[in-house]
Protein backbone atom coordinates (compact mmCIF):
# COMPACT_ATOMS: atom_id res chain seq x y z
CA MET A 1 96.70 -19.17 23.21
CA ILE A 2 93.75 -18.02 25.47
CA ALA A 3 91.85 -21.14 24.87
CA GLU A 4 94.87 -23.32 26.09
CA TYR A 5 95.19 -21.12 29.15
CA GLU A 6 91.42 -21.69 29.87
CA ARG A 7 91.63 -25.28 29.29
CA ALA A 8 94.59 -25.64 31.71
CA GLN A 9 92.56 -23.73 34.40
CA ILE A 10 89.54 -25.91 33.99
CA LEU A 11 91.78 -28.97 34.30
CA GLU A 12 93.67 -27.59 37.41
CA ARG A 13 90.11 -26.73 39.07
CA SER A 14 88.70 -30.10 38.19
CA ARG A 15 91.80 -31.77 39.93
CA ARG A 16 91.42 -29.59 42.94
CA GLY A 17 87.87 -30.45 43.32
CA LYS A 18 88.31 -34.15 43.02
CA ARG A 19 91.12 -33.99 45.50
CA HIS A 20 89.06 -31.89 47.95
CA ARG A 21 86.10 -34.45 47.73
CA ALA A 22 88.56 -37.37 48.22
CA HIS A 23 89.95 -35.83 51.34
CA ALA A 24 86.34 -35.31 52.64
CA ASP A 25 85.57 -38.94 52.02
CA GLU A 26 82.90 -38.09 49.33
CA ILE A 27 82.21 -40.36 46.34
CA SER A 28 83.87 -39.53 43.14
CA VAL A 29 81.43 -38.68 40.40
CA MET A 30 81.65 -40.95 37.23
CA SER A 31 79.74 -40.94 34.22
CA ASN A 32 78.14 -44.35 35.07
CA ALA A 33 78.13 -46.49 38.18
CA PRO A 34 80.24 -49.52 37.83
CA TYR A 35 78.62 -52.61 36.69
CA GLY A 36 77.05 -54.26 39.69
CA TYR A 37 76.38 -50.96 41.47
CA ARG A 38 73.62 -48.40 41.34
CA TYR A 39 74.42 -44.63 42.09
CA ILE A 40 72.18 -42.93 44.87
CA ARG A 41 72.26 -39.20 44.58
CA LYS A 42 73.10 -37.14 47.59
CA SER A 43 70.14 -35.47 49.30
CA GLU A 44 69.86 -32.98 52.26
CA GLU A 45 69.63 -36.05 54.76
CA THR A 46 72.24 -38.54 53.16
CA PRO A 47 75.54 -38.25 51.16
CA ALA A 48 75.82 -39.89 47.67
CA ALA A 49 76.43 -43.50 47.61
CA TYR A 50 76.71 -46.68 45.56
CA ILE A 51 74.58 -49.67 46.40
CA VAL A 52 75.03 -53.15 45.24
CA ASP A 53 72.65 -54.32 42.53
CA GLU A 54 72.33 -58.12 43.38
CA ALA A 55 71.25 -59.26 39.99
CA GLU A 56 74.26 -57.64 38.26
CA ALA A 57 76.57 -58.51 41.34
CA ASP A 58 75.75 -62.17 40.70
CA VAL A 59 77.10 -61.70 37.12
CA VAL A 60 80.24 -60.04 38.29
CA ARG A 61 80.91 -62.79 40.95
CA ARG A 62 80.44 -65.46 38.26
CA VAL A 63 82.80 -63.75 35.82
CA TYR A 64 85.40 -63.30 38.50
CA GLU A 65 85.16 -66.97 39.49
CA MET A 66 85.45 -68.16 35.97
CA TYR A 67 88.43 -65.70 35.37
CA THR A 68 90.33 -66.61 38.63
CA GLY A 69 89.34 -70.30 38.96
CA GLN A 70 89.28 -71.58 35.41
CA GLY A 71 91.41 -68.99 33.54
CA GLY A 72 93.95 -70.07 31.13
CA GLU A 73 97.51 -68.73 30.71
CA ASN A 74 97.63 -65.05 31.61
CA GLY A 75 94.22 -65.17 33.00
CA PHE A 76 92.37 -65.39 29.67
CA TYR A 77 89.08 -67.45 29.51
CA PHE A 78 86.87 -68.27 26.63
CA PHE A 79 83.20 -67.71 27.70
CA PRO A 80 81.22 -70.25 25.60
CA LEU A 81 78.05 -68.53 26.03
CA GLY A 82 77.44 -64.75 25.66
CA PRO A 83 75.59 -62.86 28.40
CA GLU A 84 72.54 -62.38 26.11
CA ARG A 85 72.13 -66.31 25.75
CA GLU A 86 72.04 -66.62 29.54
CA GLY A 87 69.48 -63.89 30.09
CA VAL A 88 71.78 -61.29 31.41
CA VAL A 89 71.13 -57.77 29.94
CA ASP A 90 72.84 -54.50 30.80
CA SER A 91 70.10 -51.97 31.40
CA ARG A 92 72.39 -48.98 30.85
CA SER A 93 73.90 -49.53 27.46
CA GLN A 94 74.20 -51.76 24.35
CA THR A 95 77.85 -51.99 24.71
CA SER A 96 79.65 -55.06 26.04
CA SER A 97 79.00 -55.67 29.68
CA VAL A 98 82.51 -57.09 30.31
CA ALA A 99 83.94 -53.65 29.21
CA LEU A 100 82.08 -52.03 32.05
CA LEU A 101 83.35 -54.46 34.76
């Protein structure tokens, strides 16, 4: 019973904190930056930010073009070559890069 109450309090405080940061136009903290971006930590001089990683952004643009331009019914597209065969490596994990988009 007490554990449930504490859990609810933690969730509510987390929601309030995220809402406060959103109203203050601060960046939402995620576990990882989205594919195609790098997270820059805040410092005393600058706020936190995401910057575009051009190498990964090129991959995102290409996948988007393939998805919107050559997609089949319901937007499905078969990728004949995997990212590894084209020299694209996700430096953050060994999971599928498409899942991170």
